[in-house]
C-alpha atoms as a PDB file:
ATOM      1  CA  MET A   1      53.759 104.032  51.770  1.00  0.00           C
ATOM      2  CA  THR A   2      51.271 104.019  54.563  1.00  0.00           C
ATOM      3  CA  PHE A   3      51.131 106.804  56.862  1.00  0.00           C
ATOM      4  CA  SER A   4      51.615 105.259  59.588  1.00  0.00           C
ATOM      5  CA  GLU A   5      55.309 103.692  57.584  1.00  0.00           C
ATOM      6  CA  ASP A   6      56.060 107.066  57.089  1.00  0.00           C
ATOM      7  CA  ARG A   7      56.419 108.438  60.036  1.00  0.00           C
ATOM      8  CA  ALA A   8      58.369 105.314  61.307  1.00  0.00           C
ATOM      9  CA  GLU A   9      60.675 105.938  58.676  1.00  0.00           C
ATOM     10  CA  ASP A  10      61.562 109.645  60.147  1.00  0.00           C
ATOM     11  CA  GLN A  11      61.292 108.974  63.692  1.00  0.00           C
ATOM     12  CA  THR A  12      64.016 106.646  62.459  1.00  0.00           C
ATOM     13  CA  GLU A  13      65.883 109.362  60.776  1.00  0.00           C
ATOM     14  CA  VAL A  14      65.775 111.551  63.964  1.00  0.00           C
ATOM     15  CA  ARG A  15      67.142 108.811  66.039  1.00  0.00           C
ATOM     16  CA  ALA A  16      69.506 108.416  63.823  1.00  0.00           C
ATOM     17  CA  GLU A  17      70.440 112.500  63.415  1.00  0.00           C
ATOM     18  CA  ALA A  18      70.083 112.187  67.462  1.00  0.00           C
ATOM     19  CA  GLN A  19      72.709 109.354  67.510  1.00  0.00           C
ATOM     20  CA  GLY A  20      75.278 111.445  64.761  1.00  0.00           C
ATOM     21  CA  SER A  21      74.725 115.057  66.973  1.00  0.00           C
ATOM     22  CA  THR A  22      75.215 112.270  70.505  1.00  0.00           C
ATOM     23  CA  THR A  23      78.277 110.807  68.768  1.00  0.00           C
ATOM     24  CA  HIS A  24      80.236 113.723  67.737  1.00  0.00           C
ATOM     25  CA  SER A  25      79.710 116.236  70.290  1.00  0.00           C
ATOM     26  CA  PRO A  26      82.932 116.489  72.518  1.00  0.00           C
ATOM     27  CA  PRO A  27      82.509 114.809  76.204  1.00  0.00           C
ATOM     28  CA  LYS A  28      82.369 116.738  78.834  1.00  0.00           C
ATOM     29  CA  ARG A  29      85.758 118.300  80.868  1.00  0.00           C
ATOM     30  CA  ARG A  30      84.859 118.103  84.781  1.00  0.00           C
ATOM     31  CA  ASN A  31      87.020 121.078  86.629  1.00  0.00           C
ATOM     32  CA  ALA A  32      88.612 120.371  89.444  1.00  0.00           C
ATOM     33  CA  TRP A  33      85.699 121.155  92.379  1.00  0.00           C
ATOM     34  CA  GLU A  34      83.318 118.620  90.404  1.00  0.00           C
ATOM     35  CA  ILE A  35      86.329 115.847  90.639  1.00  0.00           C
ATOM     36  CA  LEU A  36      86.587 115.918  94.267  1.00  0.00           C
ATOM     37  CA  GLY A  37      83.308 116.442  95.913  1.00  0.00           C
ATOM     38  CA  HIS A  38      82.505 112.783  93.033  1.00  0.00           C
ATOM     39  CA  ALA A  39      85.558 111.660  94.591  1.00  0.00           C
ATOM     40  CA  MET A  40      84.601 112.406  97.953  1.00  0.00           C
ATOM     41  CA  ALA A  41      80.813 111.363  97.564  1.00  0.00           C
ATOM     42  CA  LEU A  42      82.101 108.825  96.167  1.00  0.00           C
ATOM     43  CA  TYR A  43      84.754 108.157  99.080  1.00  0.00           C
ATOM     44  CA  GLY A  44      81.803 108.407 101.589  1.00  0.00           C
ATOM     45  CA  ALA A  45      78.976 105.619  99.877  1.00  0.00           C
ATOM     46  CA  HIS A  46      82.819 103.148  99.919  1.00  0.00           C
ATOM     47  CA  TRP A  47      85.342 104.085 102.747  1.00  0.00           C
ATOM     48  CA  LYS A  48      84.950 101.333 104.802  1.00  0.00           C
ATOM     49  CA  ALA A  49      85.508  98.983 102.143  1.00  0.00           C
ATOM     50  CA  PHE A  50      88.576 100.582 100.970  1.00  0.00           C
ATOM     51  CA  THR A  51      89.707 100.973 104.551  1.00  0.00           C
ATOM     52  CA  CYS A  52      89.141  97.715 105.823  1.00  0.00           C
ATOM     53  CA  VAL A  53      91.276  96.458 102.985  1.00  0.00           C
ATOM     54  CA  LEU A  54      94.652  98.530 104.187  1.00  0.00           C
ATOM     55  CA  ILE A  55      94.177  97.917 107.811  1.00  0.00           C
ATOM     56  CA  TRP A  56      96.362  95.009 108.022  1.00  0.00           C
ATOM     57  CA  PRO A  57      99.152  96.284 106.107  1.00  0.00           C
ATOM     58  CA  VAL A  58      99.518  99.457 108.012  1.00  0.00           C
ATOM     59  CA  GLY A  59      98.709  97.242 110.778  1.00  0.00           C
ATOM     60  CA  GLN A  60     102.657  94.812 109.543  1.00  0.00           C
ATOM     61  CA  MET A  61     104.205  98.774 109.469  1.00  0.00           C
ATOM     62  CA  VAL A  62     102.890  99.808 113.022  1.00  0.00           C
ATOM     63  CA  LEU A  63     103.138  96.463 114.376  1.00  0.00           C
ATOM     64  CA  GLY A  64     106.469  95.580 113.517  1.00  0.00           C
ATOM     65  CA  THR A  65     107.895  99.413 114.265  1.00  0.00           C
ATOM     66  CA  TYR A  66     107.714  98.940 117.575  1.00  0.00           C
ATOM     67  CA  GLY A  67     107.674  95.914 118.058  1.00  0.00           C
ATOM     68  CA  SER A  68     111.605  95.864 117.455  1.00  0.00           C
ATOM     69  CA  GLN A  69     111.800  98.804 119.990  1.00  0.00           C
ATOM     70  CA  VAL A  70     109.647  97.002 122.527  1.00  0.00           C
ATOM     71  CA  ILE A  71     111.134  94.217 122.661  1.00  0.00           C
ATOM     72  CA  ASN A  72     115.148  94.734 122.117  1.00  0.00           C
ATOM     73  CA  LEU A  73     114.667  97.235 124.903  1.00  0.00           C
ATOM     74  CA  TRP A  74     111.968  95.018 127.488  1.00  0.00           C
ATOM     75  CA  LEU A  75     114.813  92.070 126.674  1.00  0.00           C
ATOM     76  CA  LEU A  76     117.358  94.187 127.811  1.00  0.00           C
ATOM     77  CA  GLU A  77     115.764  95.750 130.473  1.00  0.00           C
ATOM     78  CA  TYR A  78     114.992  92.916 132.568  1.00  0.00           C
ATOM     79  CA  ASN A  79     118.690  90.576 131.037  1.00  0.00           C
ATOM     80  CA  GLN A  80     120.865  92.333 132.003  1.00  0.00           C
ATOM     81  CA  GLY A  81     123.061  89.806 133.612  1.00  0.00           C
ATOM     82  CA  LEU A  82     121.882  87.480 131.030  1.00  0.00           C
ATOM     83  CA  ALA A  83     122.971  89.806 128.510  1.00  0.00           C
ATOM     84  CA  MET A  84     126.492  91.247 130.438  1.00  0.00           C
ATOM     85  CA  GLN A  85     127.366  87.508 130.657  1.00  0.00           C
ATOM     86  CA  TYR A  86     126.129  86.174 127.048  1.00  0.00           C
ATOM     87  CA  PRO A  87     127.323  89.063 125.109  1.00  0.00           C
ATOM     88  CA  SER A  88     127.253  87.317 122.133  1.00  0.00           C
ATOM     89  CA  VAL A  89     124.087  84.718 122.497  1.00  0.00           C
ATOM     90  CA  ALA A  90     122.197  88.542 123.468  1.00  0.00           C
ATOM     91  CA  ILE A  91     123.436  90.213 120.576  1.00  0.00           C
ATOM     92  CA  VAL A  92     121.948  87.589 118.402  1.00  0.00           C
ATOM     93  CA  LEU A  93     118.845  87.370 119.417  1.00  0.00           C
ATOM     94  CA  ALA A  94     118.552  91.334 119.388  1.00  0.00           C
ATOM     95  CA  ILE A  95     119.356  90.959 115.681  1.00  0.00           C
ATOM     96  CA  PHE A  96     117.108  87.997 114.890  1.00  0.00           C
ATOM     97  CA  ILE A  97     114.162  89.871 116.632  1.00  0.00           C
ATOM     98  CA  SER A  98     114.943  93.421 114.192  1.00  0.00           C
ATOM     99  CA  LEU A  99     115.122  91.534 111.140  1.00  0.00           C
ATOM    100  CA  LEU A 100     112.072  89.756 112.024  1.00  0.00           C
ATOM    101  CA  PHE A 101     109.532  92.737 112.544  1.00  0.00           C
ATOM    102  CA  MET A 102     111.762  94.065 109.604  1.00  0.00           C
ATOM    103  CA  GLY A 103     110.961  91.394 107.260  1.00  0.00           C
ATOM    104  CA  LEU A 104     107.039  92.415 108.992  1.00  0.00           C
ATOM    105  CA  ILE A 105     107.004  95.632 107.857  1.00  0.00           C
ATOM    106  CA  LEU A 106     108.964  95.301 104.479  1.00  0.00           C
ATOM    107  CA  ARG A 107     105.883  93.082 103.797  1.00  0.00           C
ATOM    108  CA  GLY A 108     103.317  95.444 104.811  1.00  0.00           C
ATOM    109  CA  GLY A 109     104.427  97.887 102.879  1.00  0.00           C
ATOM    110  CA  TRP A 110     104.747  95.885 100.092  1.00  0.00           C
ATOM    111  CA  GLN A 111     100.870  94.880 100.344  1.00  0.00           C
ATOM    112  CA  PHE A 112     100.281  98.717 100.837  1.00  0.00           C
ATOM    113  CA  MET A 113     102.428 100.118  97.365  1.00  0.00           C
ATOM    114  CA  LEU A 114     100.263  97.310  95.187  1.00  0.00           C
ATOM    115  CA  TYR A 115      97.018  98.756  96.840  1.00  0.00           C
ATOM    116  CA  TRP A 116      98.237 101.855  96.019  1.00  0.00           C
ATOM    117  CA  SER A 117      97.250 101.081  92.657  1.00  0.00           C
ATOM    118  CA  SER A 118      95.293  98.559  92.691  1.00  0.00           C
ATOM    119  CA  LEU A 119      92.701 100.467  94.195  1.00  0.00           C
ATOM    120  CA  CYS A 120      92.583 102.731  91.245  1.00  0.00           C
ATOM    121  CA  LEU A 121      91.006  99.357  89.455  1.00  0.00           C
ATOM    122  CA  ASN A 122      88.416  99.397  92.615  1.00  0.00           C
ATOM    123  CA  ALA A 123      88.120 103.820  92.893  1.00  0.00           C
ATOM    124  CA  TRP A 124      86.986 102.481  88.704  1.00  0.00           C
ATOM    125  CA  GLU A 125      84.252  99.596  89.687  1.00  0.00           C
ATOM    126  CA  ALA A 126      83.026 102.211  92.342  1.00  0.00           C
ATOM    127  CA  GLU A 127      83.018 105.204  89.286  1.00  0.00           C
ATOM    128  CA  ASN A 128      80.584 102.915  87.060  1.00  0.00           C
ATOM    129  CA  GLY A 129      77.993 100.737  90.013  1.00  0.00           C
ATOM    130  CA  GLN A 130      80.443  97.718  89.367  1.00  0.00           C
ATOM    131  CA  PRO A 131      80.871  95.300  91.977  1.00  0.00           C
ATOM    132  CA  LEU A 132      84.156  96.160  94.406  1.00  0.00           C
ATOM    133  CA  ASP A 133      86.624  92.859  93.458  1.00  0.00           C
ATOM    134  CA  PHE A 134      89.369  93.418  95.561  1.00  0.00           C
ATOM    135  CA  LYS A 135      91.198  90.059  94.843  1.00  0.00           C
ATOM    136  CA  LYS A 136      91.054  90.618  91.645  1.00  0.00           C
ATOM    137  CA  ALA A 137      92.676  93.826  91.085  1.00  0.00           C
ATOM    138  CA  TYR A 138      95.323  92.679  93.708  1.00  0.00           C
ATOM    139  CA  GLN A 139      95.977  90.354  91.897  1.00  0.00           C
ATOM    140  CA  SER A 140      96.792  91.548  88.470  1.00  0.00           C
ATOM    141  CA  LEU A 141      99.636  93.757  90.186  1.00  0.00           C
ATOM    142  CA  SER A 142     100.898  91.468  92.426  1.00  0.00           C
ATOM    143  CA  GLU A 143     100.997  88.564  90.218  1.00  0.00           C
ATOM    144  CA  GLU A 144     100.604  90.126  86.219  1.00  0.00           C
ATOM    145  CA  LYS A 145     103.068  93.247  86.846  1.00  0.00           C
ATOM    146  CA  LYS A 146     104.688  91.968  90.243  1.00  0.00           C
ATOM    147  CA  ALA A 147     108.502  92.980  88.600  1.00  0.00           C
ATOM    148  CA  PRO A 148     108.224  96.233  87.355  1.00  0.00           C
ATOM    149  CA  TYR A 149     106.169  97.476  89.476  1.00  0.00           C
ATOM    150  CA  ALA A 150     108.418  96.547  92.351  1.00  0.00           C
ATOM    151  CA  ILE A 151     110.822  98.383  90.445  1.00  0.00           C
ATOM    152  CA  LEU A 152     108.869 101.138  89.590  1.00  0.00           C
ATOM    153  CA  ALA A 153     107.144 101.615  93.249  1.00  0.00           C
ATOM    154  CA  CYS A 154     110.864 101.514  94.292  1.00  0.00           C
ATOM    155  CA  THR A 155     111.974 104.115  92.343  1.00  0.00           C
ATOM    156  CA  TYR A 156     109.447 106.466  93.672  1.00  0.00           C
ATOM    157  CA  PHE A 157     109.199 105.893  97.164  1.00  0.00           C
ATOM    158  CA  SER A 158     113.586 106.331  96.681  1.00  0.00           C
ATOM    159  CA  LEU A 159     113.557 109.772  95.706  1.00  0.00           C
ATOM    160  CA  PRO A 160     112.449 111.194  99.371  1.00  0.00           C
ATOM    161  CA  ALA A 161     115.256 109.151 100.966  1.00  0.00           C
ATOM    162  CA  LEU A 162     117.513 111.519  99.228  1.00  0.00           C
ATOM    163  CA  THR A 163     116.540 113.782 100.277  1.00  0.00           C
ATOM    164  CA  PHE A 164     117.806 113.169 103.752  1.00  0.00           C
ATOM    165  CA  LEU A 165     121.596 111.424 102.293  1.00  0.00           C
ATOM    166  CA  PRO A 166     123.248 115.303 103.475  1.00  0.00           C
ATOM    167  CA  VAL A 167     121.594 115.447 106.756  1.00  0.00           C
ATOM    168  CA  ILE A 168     122.798 111.627 107.817  1.00  0.00           C
ATOM    169  CA  LEU A 169     126.151 111.985 106.206  1.00  0.00           C
ATOM    170  CA  LEU A 170     126.707 115.832 107.627  1.00  0.00           C
ATOM    171  CA  THR A 171     125.493 114.184 110.854  1.00  0.00           C
ATOM    172  CA  LEU A 172     128.397 110.821 110.749  1.00  0.00           C
ATOM    173  CA  LEU A 173     131.317 113.331 109.881  1.00  0.00           C
ATOM    174  CA  GLY A 174     130.424 115.973 112.933  1.00  0.00           C
ATOM    175  CA  ALA A 175     131.065 113.135 115.230  1.00  0.00           C
ATOM    176  CA  PHE A 176     133.278 111.989 113.671  1.00  0.00           C
ATOM    177  CA  LEU A 177     134.693 115.516 113.711  1.00  0.00           C
ATOM    178  CA  GLY A 178     133.843 116.385 117.706  1.00  0.00           C
ATOM    179  CA  PRO A 179     130.533 118.058 119.486  1.00  0.00           C
ATOM    180  CA  ASN A 180     131.384 121.673 118.006  1.00  0.00           C
ATOM    181  CA  MET A 181     131.204 120.416 114.369  1.00  0.00           C
ATOM    182  CA  LEU A 182     128.827 117.621 115.317  1.00  0.00           C
ATOM    183  CA  GLU A 183     126.334 120.814 115.488  1.00  0.00           C
ATOM    184  CA  LEU A 184     127.814 123.344 112.562  1.00  0.00           C
ATOM    185  CA  LEU A 185     127.415 120.525 110.284  1.00  0.00           C
ATOM    186  CA  LEU A 186     123.952 119.126 111.594  1.00  0.00           C
ATOM    187  CA  ILE A 187     123.113 122.467 110.887  1.00  0.00           C
ATOM    188  CA  ALA A 188     124.473 122.959 107.071  1.00  0.00           C
ATOM    189  CA  GLY A 189     122.903 119.003 106.402  1.00  0.00           C
ATOM    190  CA  LEU A 190     119.676 119.684 107.626  1.00  0.00           C
ATOM    191  CA  LEU A 191     119.088 123.199 105.635  1.00  0.00           C
ATOM    192  CA  GLN A 192     120.430 120.745 102.854  1.00  0.00           C
ATOM    193  CA  SER A 193     117.946 118.064 103.321  1.00  0.00           C
ATOM    194  CA  MET A 194     115.405 121.021 103.043  1.00  0.00           C
ATOM    195  CA  PHE A 195     116.124 122.378  99.417  1.00  0.00           C
ATOM    196  CA  LEU A 196     116.193 118.682  98.320  1.00  0.00           C
ATOM    197  CA  GLY A 197     112.910 117.992  99.922  1.00  0.00           C
ATOM    198  CA  ALA A 198     111.601 120.961  98.820  1.00  0.00           C
ATOM    199  CA  ILE A 199     112.333 119.775  95.012  1.00  0.00           C
ATOM    200  CA  TRP A 200     111.438 116.561  95.072  1.00  0.00           C
ATOM    201  CA  ILE A 201     107.552 118.065  96.884  1.00  0.00           C
ATOM    202  CA  PHE A 202     107.549 119.595  93.352  1.00  0.00           C
ATOM    203  CA  SER A 203     107.788 116.985  91.498  1.00  0.00           C
ATOM    204  CA  LEU A 204     105.028 114.961  92.842  1.00  0.00           C
ATOM    205  CA  ILE A 205     102.894 116.970  90.396  1.00  0.00           C
ATOM    206  CA  PRO A 206     104.165 115.363  87.573  1.00  0.00           C
ATOM    207  CA  LEU A 207     104.271 111.807  88.787  1.00  0.00           C
ATOM    208  CA  THR A 208     100.987 112.173  89.623  1.00  0.00           C
ATOM    209  CA  PHE A 209      99.394 109.166  87.730  1.00  0.00           C
ATOM    210  CA  ILE A 210     102.175 106.322  87.984  1.00  0.00           C
ATOM    211  CA  PHE A 211     100.135 104.392  90.189  1.00  0.00           C
ATOM    212  CA  GLN A 212      97.162 105.217  87.725  1.00  0.00           C
ATOM    213  CA  ILE A 213      99.181 103.851  84.660  1.00  0.00           C
ATOM    214  CA  ALA A 214     100.860 100.910  86.560  1.00  0.00           C
ATOM    215  CA  ALA A 215      96.820 100.266  87.563  1.00  0.00           C
ATOM    216  CA  PHE A 216      95.367 100.738  83.863  1.00  0.00           C
ATOM    217  CA  GLU A 217      97.880 100.286  81.185  1.00  0.00           C
ATOM    218  CA  LYS A 218      97.825  96.969  79.348  1.00  0.00           C
ATOM    219  CA  GLY A 219     101.665  96.329  80.069  1.00  0.00           C
ATOM    220  CA  LEU A 220     104.322  98.220  82.697  1.00  0.00           C
ATOM    221  CA  PRO A 221     107.119  98.332  81.417  1.00  0.00           C
ATOM    222  CA  SER A 222     110.652  97.331  83.364  1.00  0.00           C
ATOM    223  CA  ASN A 223     112.306 101.038  83.039  1.00  0.00           C
ATOM    224  CA  PRO A 224     110.028 102.899  85.380  1.00  0.00           C
ATOM    225  CA  THR A 225     111.644 106.410  83.057  1.00  0.00           C
ATOM    226  CA  HIS A 226     109.091 105.626  80.435  1.00  0.00           C
ATOM    227  CA  THR A 227     105.905 105.804  83.391  1.00  0.00           C
ATOM    228  CA  PHE A 228     107.353 108.533  84.906  1.00  0.00           C
ATOM    229  CA  LEU A 229     107.641 110.522  81.669  1.00  0.00           C
ATOM    230  CA  LEU A 230     104.051 109.573  80.362  1.00  0.00           C
ATOM    231  CA  SER A 231     102.636 110.367  83.983  1.00  0.00           C
ATOM    232  CA  CYS A 232     104.158 113.761  83.224  1.00  0.00           C
ATOM    233  CA  LYS A 233     102.873 114.337  79.915  1.00  0.00           C
ATOM    234  CA  LEU A 234      99.554 113.940  81.069  1.00  0.00           C
ATOM    235  CA  SER A 235      99.978 116.202  84.745  1.00  0.00           C
ATOM    236  CA  LEU A 236     101.031 119.345  82.488  1.00  0.00           C
ATOM    237  CA  LYS A 237      98.104 118.783  79.962  1.00  0.00           C
ATOM    238  CA  GLN A 238      95.741 119.886  83.127  1.00  0.00           C
ATOM    239  CA  PHE A 239      98.513 121.312  85.128  1.00  0.00           C
ATOM    240  CA  TRP A 240      96.943 123.328  87.704  1.00  0.00           C
ATOM    241  CA  LYS A 241      93.856 121.138  87.815  1.00  0.00           C
ATOM    242  CA  THR A 242      96.362 118.418  89.224  1.00  0.00           C
ATOM    243  CA  THR A 243      97.759 120.863  91.535  1.00  0.00           C
ATOM    244  CA  PHE A 244      95.022 121.917  93.005  1.00  0.00           C
ATOM    245  CA  LEU A 245      94.150 118.420  93.920  1.00  0.00           C
ATOM    246  CA  GLN A 246      96.742 117.367  95.018  1.00  0.00           C
ATOM    247  CA  ILE A 247      97.375 120.411  97.870  1.00  0.00           C
ATOM    248  CA  ALA A 248      93.106 119.193  98.123  1.00  0.00           C
ATOM    249  CA  ILE A 249      93.895 116.207  99.101  1.00  0.00           C
ATOM    250  CA  PHE A 250      97.281 116.719 101.334  1.00  0.00           C
ATOM    251  CA  LEU A 251      95.090 118.999 103.167  1.00  0.00           C
ATOM    252  CA  LEU A 252      92.351 116.732 103.465  1.00  0.00           C
ATOM    253  CA  THR A 253      94.470 113.853 104.410  1.00  0.00           C
ATOM    254  CA  ASN A 254      97.119 114.797 106.372  1.00  0.00           C
ATOM    255  CA  ILE A 255      95.801 117.780 108.354  1.00  0.00           C
ATOM    256  CA  LEU A 256      91.520 118.973 108.228  1.00  0.00           C
ATOM    257  CA  ILE A 257      90.768 115.112 108.913  1.00  0.00           C
ATOM    258  CA  PRO A 258      93.214 113.325 111.151  1.00  0.00           C
ATOM    259  CA  GLN A 259      94.405 116.340 112.701  1.00  0.00           C
ATOM    260  CA  PRO A 260      90.871 116.286 115.140  1.00  0.00           C
ATOM    261  CA  LEU A 261      90.875 112.941 114.850  1.00  0.00           C
ATOM    262  CA  VAL A 262      93.674 113.646 117.181  1.00  0.00           C
ATOM    263  CA  TRP A 263      93.085 116.081 119.102  1.00  0.00           C
ATOM    264  CA  ALA A 264      89.442 113.982 119.451  1.00  0.00           C
ATOM    265  CA  LEU A 265      91.356 110.963 121.069  1.00  0.00           C
ATOM    266  CA  ARG A 266      93.944 113.625 123.022  1.00  0.00           C
ATOM    267  CA  LEU A 267      91.379 115.543 125.046  1.00  0.00           C
ATOM    268  CA  SER A 268      89.359 111.851 125.494  1.00  0.00           C
ATOM    269  CA  LYS A 269      92.406 110.784 126.852  1.00  0.00           C
ATOM    270  CA  LEU A 270      92.541 107.116 124.677  1.00  0.00           C
ATOM    271  CA  SER A 271      96.413 108.461 123.285  1.00  0.00           C
ATOM    272  CA  ALA A 272      96.934 108.209 126.714  1.00  0.00           C
ATOM    273  CA  PRO A 273      98.431 104.504 126.623  1.00  0.00           C
ATOM    274  CA  LEU A 274     100.466 105.522 123.871  1.00  0.00           C
ATOM    275  CA  ASP A 275     102.046 108.185 125.372  1.00  0.00           C
ATOM    276  CA  GLN A 276     103.442 105.422 128.365  1.00  0.00           C
ATOM    277  CA  LEU A 277     104.604 103.841 125.961  1.00  0.00           C
ATOM    278  CA  HIS A 278     106.756 106.859 123.975  1.00  0.00           C
ATOM    279  CA  THR A 279     107.551 107.835 127.862  1.00  0.00           C
ATOM    280  CA  TRP A 280     109.359 104.215 128.335  1.00  0.00           C
ATOM    281  CA  LEU A 281     110.968 104.417 125.285  1.00  0.00           C
ATOM    282  CA  ILE A 282     112.280 107.407 125.025  1.00  0.00           C
ATOM    283  CA  GLN A 283     113.465 107.326 129.168  1.00  0.00           C
ATOM    284  CA  GLN A 284     115.462 103.317 127.522  1.00  0.00           C
ATOM    285  CA  SER A 285     116.939 104.730 125.285  1.00  0.00           C
ATOM    286  CA  MET A 286     118.325 107.630 126.958  1.00  0.00           C
ATOM    287  CA  ILE A 287     119.578 105.407 129.514  1.00  0.00           C
ATOM    288  CA  GLY A 288     123.417 105.729 129.617  1.00  0.00           C
ATOM    289  CA  THR A 289     123.427 109.134 127.190  1.00  0.00           C
ATOM    290  CA  GLU A 290     122.921 111.599 129.713  1.00  0.00           C
ATOM    291  CA  ALA A 291     125.851 113.140 130.501  1.00  0.00           C
ATOM    292  CA  THR A 292     126.557 112.728 126.936  1.00  0.00           C
ATOM    293  CA  LEU A 293     123.621 115.001 125.465  1.00  0.00           C
ATOM    294  CA  ASN A 294     124.790 117.686 128.379  1.00  0.00           C
ATOM    295  CA  SER A 295     127.676 117.890 127.410  1.00  0.00           C
ATOM    296  CA  LEU A 296     126.939 119.734 124.128  1.00  0.00           C
ATOM    297  CA  PRO A 297     127.309 122.932 123.862  1.00  0.00           C
ATOM    298  CA  MET A 298     123.582 123.774 122.634  1.00  0.00           C
ATOM    299  CA  MET A 299     121.279 120.490 123.112  1.00  0.00           C
ATOM    300  CA  GLY A 300     122.569 121.170 127.027  1.00  0.00           C
ATOM    301  CA  ASN A 301     121.135 124.435 127.585  1.00  0.00           C
ATOM    302  CA  ILE A 302     117.537 123.881 124.882  1.00  0.00           C
ATOM    303  CA  LEU A 303     117.128 119.314 126.730  1.00  0.00           C
ATOM    304  CA  GLY A 304     118.144 121.269 130.603  1.00  0.00           C
ATOM    305  CA  GLU A 305     119.441 118.233 133.431  1.00  0.00           C
ATOM    306  CA  ASP A 306     115.886 117.270 134.136  1.00  0.00           C
ATOM    307  CA  PHE A 307     114.520 115.849 130.947  1.00  0.00           C
ATOM    308  CA  SER A 308     111.215 116.932 131.937  1.00  0.00           C
ATOM    309  CA  TRP A 309     110.678 117.478 127.904  1.00  0.00           C
ATOM    310  CA  VAL A 310     110.687 113.603 128.080  1.00  0.00           C
ATOM    311  CA  GLN A 311     107.096 113.501 128.357  1.00  0.00           C
ATOM    312  CA  PHE A 312     105.618 116.837 126.017  1.00  0.00           C
ATOM    313  CA  LEU A 313     107.930 114.373 123.529  1.00  0.00           C
ATOM    314  CA  SER A 314     106.621 110.862 124.628  1.00  0.00           C
ATOM    315  CA  GLN A 315     102.865 113.573 123.304  1.00  0.00           C
ATOM    316  CA  SER A 316     104.784 114.543 120.002  1.00  0.00           C
ATOM    317  CA  MET A 317     105.470 111.497 118.937  1.00  0.00           C
ATOM    318  CA  THR A 318     101.981 110.127 119.826  1.00  0.00           C
ATOM    319  CA  ASP A 319     100.133 112.661 117.966  1.00  0.00           C
ATOM    320  CA  LEU A 320     102.512 112.386 114.519  1.00  0.00           C
ATOM    321  CA  CYS A 321     102.364 107.840 115.389  1.00  0.00           C
ATOM    322  CA  LEU A 322      98.982 108.311 114.956  1.00  0.00           C
ATOM    323  CA  SER A 323      98.511 111.252 112.146  1.00  0.00           C
ATOM    324  CA  CYS A 324     100.328 109.564 110.171  1.00  0.00           C
ATOM    325  CA  THR A 325      98.506 106.457 111.251  1.00  0.00           C
ATOM    326  CA  LEU A 326      95.006 107.568 109.720  1.00  0.00           C
ATOM    327  CA  THR A 327      96.649 109.308 106.550  1.00  0.00           C
ATOM    328  CA  LEU A 328      98.145 106.376 105.187  1.00  0.00           C
ATOM    329  CA  LEU A 329      94.457 104.920 106.062  1.00  0.00           C
ATOM    330  CA  LEU A 330      92.897 107.855 103.902  1.00  0.00           C
ATOM    331  CA  LEU A 331      95.151 107.094 100.617  1.00  0.00           C
ATOM    332  CA  PRO A 332      91.438 106.106  98.533  1.00  0.00           C
ATOM    333  CA  LEU A 333      91.001 109.445  98.895  1.00  0.00           C
ATOM    334  CA  GLY A 334      93.657 110.420  96.953  1.00  0.00           C
ATOM    335  CA  THR A 335      92.730 107.424  95.208  1.00  0.00           C
ATOM    336  CA  PHE A 336      89.311 107.817  93.455  1.00  0.00           C
ATOM    337  CA  VAL A 337      90.304 111.594  93.055  1.00  0.00           C
ATOM    338  CA  PHE A 338      92.996 111.076  90.565  1.00  0.00           C
ATOM    339  CA  THR A 339      91.640 108.562  88.846  1.00  0.00           C
ATOM    340  CA  LEU A 340      88.571 109.853  88.356  1.00  0.00           C
ATOM    341  CA  LEU A 341      91.463 113.184  86.787  1.00  0.00           C
ATOM    342  CA  TYR A 342      93.108 110.644  84.946  1.00  0.00           C
ATOM    343  CA  LYS A 343      89.961 109.155  83.173  1.00  0.00           C
ATOM    344  CA  ASP A 344      88.798 112.654  82.661  1.00  0.00           C
ATOM    345  CA  ILE A 345      91.997 113.860  80.569  1.00  0.00           C
ATOM    346  CA  LEU A 346      92.366 110.014  79.022  1.00  0.00           C
ATOM    347  CA  LYS A 347      88.635 110.946  77.163  1.00  0.00           C
ATOM    348  CA  CYS A 348      88.716 114.508  77.372  1.00  0.00           C
ATOM    349  CA  ASP A 349      91.846 116.111  76.499  1.00  0.00           C
ATOM    350  CA  ARG A 350      93.230 114.071  73.127  1.00  0.00           C
ATOM    351  CA  SER A 351      95.668 117.183  72.225  1.00  0.00           C
ATOM    352  CA  LYS A 352      98.754 116.610  71.928  1.00  0.00           C
ATOM    353  CA  LYS A 353      99.817 120.274  73.846  1.00  0.00           C
ATOM    354  CA  THR A 354     100.913 120.432  77.035  1.00  0.00           C
ATOM    355  CA  TRP A 355     100.943 123.311  79.266  1.00  0.00           C
ATOM    356  CA  LEU A 356     105.066 123.791  78.613  1.00  0.00           C
ATOM    357  CA  GLY A 357     103.540 123.656  74.553  1.00  0.00           C
ATOM    358  CA  VAL A 358     105.353 120.586  74.704  1.00  0.00           C
END
């Protein structure tokens, strides 16, 4: 054996040992700050592409919400004579308009729910430096997992709706019993709904990864319980990290990013047209109800007789509308964070133990 052959054999053994040590070394786990920082860097590099695909679904929901109210109230204001002369036609027309815009809201909401999960695939493409294929990711859910994903999404989003049941039912009961009981039952319903709301907010932590599971798992069961349980298991593996990131994303997407933009629109008076729209909607909705509102013991003292609170309420509605719209468009930021965390847990934490020891 020559010297060159002996040296080549030694180098081969060194490379084999290096590969073996690399193979058997455990993957490095990222802490919460590393995941958050890396996710924000990815979002900063791709925010325009991710936001553009959400503009139309969010736009449909906003257009449907305002369109139904504006058109119905406008027709009622400028065609009162026709409405009184042909009440059945006015009612049918109002129902048709409401159903039309309700369909627009549902269509935009369904598309937004699909993107909620499909953008996880695109976030992982961005992490690996691959081209972003939003259409393929969207079709992977809308065509291959449509029925089970619809059940999963409807079950998930019905949970916050359940928190409003006490206040709705008790308010209806109070309206039937009279003004005095209405205020008492309204307060009782609000307290019960707040308690259920707190339970629902806490449940968001164990249900963090249901959209990642829907996106990356090859098969999605029709029973959403399996997906919920798998999400609970994964989140409990890194409970405190998941909780911290949930709080961080909530603050970023609901307060720290949207609110300065809303204030900037308010100071620059760019939100003034929306204020005027809300003022008109409130005034039209209150026609014929002023006496009824003032007859309520508590509401009459709060509202006053001049209804000067209308301007304040319209501005508050404008700020809330803008804030909610911006929060919806900031969905990809949370998608990056929890997709990275989901992959990190699968890669680094193969133990069966969770935070609860289960």
